[in-house]
Amino acid sequence: MDQSISVVFFLAAVLVFAAILFAVISLTRRGSTSLDVNKYRIKWMAIEQQLNQAEVMTFQLSVLNADTLLDQALKEKGIQGATMGERMKNMQHKWSHANNVWAAHKLRNQIAHEPDVKLSYDTARRALASFKQALKDVGAI
């Protein structure tokens, strides 16, 4: 009887270990997560509509929001990195226009950290176009 209890405990331990292993593997898989394209399209359309040529403040706000949306997509996709820059670096090989994405992100950093940044409507539009392509590359839109 003691031997049968030992076998039961052993089998239970093996099952628990297998379940934990499966959970860890499932939770740590990178880059295979599909995104809710409809959710991202709706958010992206709101950002594009936010950009208003007659309102200078919308130039900066739309760039900040586009950068945030891309970062959200990268995180949700499971791209590793403690910062957006690290996540972008890990996606470097998948961007169709990597230099444009980096330039748009650097513009976002200027807006966020330098109080005197002046932004034109065309510059904001170009940055949004770069973020849009990056979101397409990630599979968000």
C-alpha atoms as a PDB file:
ATOM      1  CA  MET A   1       0.000   0.000   0.000  1.00  0.00           C
ATOM      2  CA  ASP A   2       2.859   2.420   0.771  1.00  0.00           C
ATOM      3  CA  GLN A   3       4.324   1.695  -2.631  1.00  0.00           C
ATOM      4  CA  SER A   4       1.041   2.525  -4.414  1.00  0.00           C
ATOM      5  CA  ILE A   5       0.820   5.838  -2.531  1.00  0.00           C
ATOM      6  CA  SER A   6       4.379   6.631  -3.605  1.00  0.00           C
ATOM      7  CA  VAL A   7       3.508   5.879  -7.242  1.00  0.00           C
ATOM      8  CA  VAL A   8       0.433   8.127  -7.044  1.00  0.00           C
ATOM      9  CA  PHE A   9       2.487  10.978  -5.561  1.00  0.00           C
ATOM     10  CA  PHE A  10       5.159  10.484  -8.217  1.00  0.00           C
ATOM     11  CA  LEU A  11       2.597  10.588 -11.034  1.00  0.00           C
ATOM     12  CA  ALA A  12       0.931  13.642  -9.506  1.00  0.00           C
ATOM     13  CA  ALA A  13       4.324  15.389  -9.272  1.00  0.00           C
ATOM     14  CA  VAL A  14       5.075  14.534 -12.916  1.00  0.00           C
ATOM     15  CA  LEU A  15       1.689  15.932 -14.012  1.00  0.00           C
ATOM     16  CA  VAL A  16       2.172  19.132 -12.009  1.00  0.00           C
ATOM     17  CA  PHE A  17       5.663  19.562 -13.464  1.00  0.00           C
ATOM     18  CA  ALA A  18       4.345  19.001 -17.005  1.00  0.00           C
ATOM     19  CA  ALA A  19       1.537  21.524 -16.467  1.00  0.00           C
ATOM     20  CA  ILE A  20       3.968  24.143 -15.162  1.00  0.00           C
ATOM     21  CA  LEU A  21       6.362  23.500 -18.041  1.00  0.00           C
ATOM     22  CA  PHE A  22       3.534  23.853 -20.569  1.00  0.00           C
ATOM     23  CA  ALA A  23       2.388  27.112 -18.951  1.00  0.00           C
ATOM     24  CA  VAL A  24       5.896  28.572 -18.954  1.00  0.00           C
ATOM     25  CA  ILE A  25       6.458  27.650 -22.595  1.00  0.00           C
ATOM     26  CA  SER A  26       3.079  29.087 -23.593  1.00  0.00           C
ATOM     27  CA  LEU A  27       3.638  32.348 -21.741  1.00  0.00           C
ATOM     28  CA  THR A  28       7.193  32.936 -22.943  1.00  0.00           C
ATOM     29  CA  ARG A  29       6.740  32.296 -26.657  1.00  0.00           C
ATOM     30  CA  ARG A  30       7.777  35.445 -28.494  1.00  0.00           C
ATOM     31  CA  GLY A  31       6.417  36.948 -31.675  1.00  0.00           C
ATOM     32  CA  SER A  32       3.689  34.413 -32.374  1.00  0.00           C
ATOM     33  CA  THR A  33       0.839  36.350 -30.819  1.00  0.00           C
ATOM     34  CA  SER A  34      -1.682  37.642 -33.305  1.00  0.00           C
ATOM     35  CA  LEU A  35      -3.060  41.094 -32.711  1.00  0.00           C
ATOM     36  CA  ASP A  36      -6.654  42.325 -32.789  1.00  0.00           C
ATOM     37  CA  VAL A  37      -6.392  44.111 -36.135  1.00  0.00           C
ATOM     38  CA  ASN A  38      -9.807  45.732 -35.829  1.00  0.00           C
ATOM     39  CA  LYS A  39      -8.926  47.273 -32.458  1.00  0.00           C
ATOM     40  CA  TYR A  40      -5.689  48.704 -33.861  1.00  0.00           C
ATOM     41  CA  ARG A  41      -7.370  50.007 -37.029  1.00  0.00           C
ATOM     42  CA  ILE A  42      -9.949  51.874 -34.974  1.00  0.00           C
ATOM     43  CA  LYS A  43      -7.244  53.404 -32.775  1.00  0.00           C
ATOM     44  CA  TRP A  44      -5.156  54.273 -35.824  1.00  0.00           C
ATOM     45  CA  MET A  45      -8.066  55.981 -37.570  1.00  0.00           C
ATOM     46  CA  ALA A  46      -8.622  58.097 -34.451  1.00  0.00           C
ATOM     47  CA  ILE A  47      -4.954  59.164 -34.512  1.00  0.00           C
ATOM     48  CA  GLU A  48      -5.130  60.082 -38.200  1.00  0.00           C
ATOM     49  CA  GLN A  49      -8.323  62.070 -37.635  1.00  0.00           C
ATOM     50  CA  GLN A  50      -6.684  63.798 -34.668  1.00  0.00           C
ATOM     51  CA  LEU A  51      -4.063  65.404 -36.922  1.00  0.00           C
ATOM     52  CA  ASN A  52      -5.554  68.732 -37.962  1.00  0.00           C
ATOM     53  CA  GLN A  53      -3.595  71.105 -40.181  1.00  0.00           C
ATOM     54  CA  ALA A  54      -5.273  74.118 -38.535  1.00  0.00           C
ATOM     55  CA  GLU A  55      -4.311  73.091 -34.980  1.00  0.00           C
ATOM     56  CA  VAL A  56      -0.567  73.027 -34.282  1.00  0.00           C
ATOM     57  CA  MET A  57      -0.983  71.149 -30.987  1.00  0.00           C
ATOM     58  CA  THR A  58      -2.428  68.165 -32.863  1.00  0.00           C
ATOM     59  CA  PHE A  59       0.865  67.705 -34.706  1.00  0.00           C
ATOM     60  CA  GLN A  60       2.747  66.701 -31.570  1.00  0.00           C
ATOM     61  CA  LEU A  61      -0.164  64.863 -29.987  1.00  0.00           C
ATOM     62  CA  SER A  62      -0.731  62.655 -33.015  1.00  0.00           C
ATOM     63  CA  VAL A  63       2.968  61.684 -33.148  1.00  0.00           C
ATOM     64  CA  LEU A  64       2.982  60.861 -29.426  1.00  0.00           C
ATOM     65  CA  ASN A  65      -0.163  58.767 -29.757  1.00  0.00           C
ATOM     66  CA  ALA A  66       1.105  56.937 -32.837  1.00  0.00           C
ATOM     67  CA  ASP A  67       4.338  56.043 -31.045  1.00  0.00           C
ATOM     68  CA  THR A  68       2.348  54.810 -28.036  1.00  0.00           C
ATOM     69  CA  LEU A  69       0.139  52.657 -30.267  1.00  0.00           C
ATOM     70  CA  LEU A  70       3.164  51.082 -31.939  1.00  0.00           C
ATOM     71  CA  ASP A  71       4.725  50.358 -28.560  1.00  0.00           C
ATOM     72  CA  GLN A  72       1.481  48.777 -27.383  1.00  0.00           C
ATOM     73  CA  ALA A  73       1.448  46.545 -30.476  1.00  0.00           C
ATOM     74  CA  LEU A  74       5.069  45.515 -29.941  1.00  0.00           C
ATOM     75  CA  LYS A  75       4.370  44.608 -26.316  1.00  0.00           C
ATOM     76  CA  GLU A  76       1.191  42.724 -27.187  1.00  0.00           C
ATOM     77  CA  LYS A  77       3.036  40.896 -29.953  1.00  0.00           C
ATOM     78  CA  GLY A  78       5.500  39.692 -27.316  1.00  0.00           C
ATOM     79  CA  ILE A  79       8.567  41.542 -28.600  1.00  0.00           C
ATOM     80  CA  GLN A  80      11.223  41.557 -25.896  1.00  0.00           C
ATOM     81  CA  GLY A  81      12.764  44.708 -24.488  1.00  0.00           C
ATOM     82  CA  ALA A  82      12.581  46.885 -21.408  1.00  0.00           C
ATOM     83  CA  THR A  83      12.062  50.046 -23.483  1.00  0.00           C
ATOM     84  CA  MET A  84      10.433  50.794 -26.789  1.00  0.00           C
ATOM     85  CA  GLY A  85      13.856  51.374 -28.297  1.00  0.00           C
ATOM     86  CA  GLU A  86      14.912  47.860 -27.303  1.00  0.00           C
ATOM     87  CA  ARG A  87      11.693  46.403 -28.694  1.00  0.00           C
ATOM     88  CA  MET A  88      12.210  48.318 -31.932  1.00  0.00           C
ATOM     89  CA  LYS A  89      15.773  47.049 -32.152  1.00  0.00           C
ATOM     90  CA  ASN A  90      14.489  43.490 -31.785  1.00  0.00           C
ATOM     91  CA  MET A  91      12.107  44.166 -34.689  1.00  0.00           C
ATOM     92  CA  GLN A  92      14.787  45.813 -36.848  1.00  0.00           C
ATOM     93  CA  HIS A  93      14.858  42.963 -39.360  1.00  0.00           C
ATOM     94  CA  LYS A  94      11.077  43.109 -39.904  1.00  0.00           C
ATOM     95  CA  TRP A  95      10.628  46.823 -40.627  1.00  0.00           C
ATOM     96  CA  SER A  96      10.156  47.527 -44.304  1.00  0.00           C
ATOM     97  CA  HIS A  97      11.523  51.070 -43.743  1.00  0.00           C
ATOM     98  CA  ALA A  98      13.582  50.843 -40.548  1.00  0.00           C
ATOM     99  CA  ASN A  99      15.210  54.271 -40.867  1.00  0.00           C
ATOM    100  CA  ASN A 100      11.815  55.946 -41.156  1.00  0.00           C
ATOM    101  CA  VAL A 101      10.482  54.182 -38.059  1.00  0.00           C
ATOM    102  CA  TRP A 102      13.560  55.181 -36.073  1.00  0.00           C
ATOM    103  CA  ALA A 103      13.265  58.784 -37.282  1.00  0.00           C
ATOM    104  CA  ALA A 104       9.605  58.904 -36.235  1.00  0.00           C
ATOM    105  CA  HIS A 105      10.444  57.477 -32.806  1.00  0.00           C
ATOM    106  CA  LYS A 106      13.307  59.968 -32.384  1.00  0.00           C
ATOM    107  CA  LEU A 107      10.865  62.756 -33.253  1.00  0.00           C
ATOM    108  CA  ARG A 108       8.567  61.452 -30.532  1.00  0.00           C
ATOM    109  CA  ASN A 109      11.472  61.558 -28.071  1.00  0.00           C
ATOM    110  CA  GLN A 110      12.225  65.155 -29.046  1.00  0.00           C
ATOM    111  CA  ILE A 111       8.584  66.118 -28.487  1.00  0.00           C
ATOM    112  CA  ALA A 112       8.531  64.380 -25.109  1.00  0.00           C
ATOM    113  CA  HIS A 113      11.863  65.682 -23.810  1.00  0.00           C
ATOM    114  CA  GLU A 114      12.558  69.026 -25.491  1.00  0.00           C
ATOM    115  CA  PRO A 115      10.063  71.790 -24.679  1.00  0.00           C
ATOM    116  CA  ASP A 116      10.885  74.012 -27.667  1.00  0.00           C
ATOM    117  CA  VAL A 117      10.283  71.501 -30.470  1.00  0.00           C
ATOM    118  CA  LYS A 118       8.515  73.070 -33.442  1.00  0.00           C
ATOM    119  CA  LEU A 119       6.773  70.604 -35.696  1.00  0.00           C
ATOM    120  CA  SER A 120       5.288  71.204 -39.122  1.00  0.00           C
ATOM    121  CA  TYR A 121       2.176  69.516 -40.434  1.00  0.00           C
ATOM    122  CA  ASP A 122       4.213  67.755 -43.138  1.00  0.00           C
ATOM    123  CA  THR A 123       6.734  66.431 -40.613  1.00  0.00           C
ATOM    124  CA  ALA A 124       3.903  65.070 -38.477  1.00  0.00           C
ATOM    125  CA  ARG A 125       2.308  63.462 -41.548  1.00  0.00           C
ATOM    126  CA  ARG A 126       5.600  61.797 -42.513  1.00  0.00           C
ATOM    127  CA  ALA A 127       6.049  60.477 -38.967  1.00  0.00           C
ATOM    128  CA  LEU A 128       2.496  59.110 -38.978  1.00  0.00           C
ATOM    129  CA  ALA A 129       3.131  57.420 -42.319  1.00  0.00           C
ATOM    130  CA  SER A 130       6.209  55.743 -40.823  1.00  0.00           C
ATOM    131  CA  PHE A 131       4.312  54.596 -37.738  1.00  0.00           C
ATOM    132  CA  LYS A 132       1.499  53.300 -39.946  1.00  0.00           C
ATOM    133  CA  GLN A 133       3.915  51.222 -42.007  1.00  0.00           C
ATOM    134  CA  ALA A 134       5.518  49.890 -38.834  1.00  0.00           C
ATOM    135  CA  LEU A 135       2.091  48.876 -37.512  1.00  0.00           C
ATOM    136  CA  LYS A 136       1.468  47.073 -40.808  1.00  0.00           C
ATOM    137  CA  ASP A 137       4.849  45.346 -40.517  1.00  0.00           C
ATOM    138  CA  VAL A 138       3.943  44.155 -37.003  1.00  0.00           C
ATOM    139  CA  GLY A 139       0.566  42.895 -38.206  1.00  0.00           C
ATOM    140  CA  ALA A 140      -1.480  45.352 -36.154  1.00  0.00           C
ATOM    141  CA  ILE A 141      -3.251  47.015 -39.093  1.00  0.00           C
END
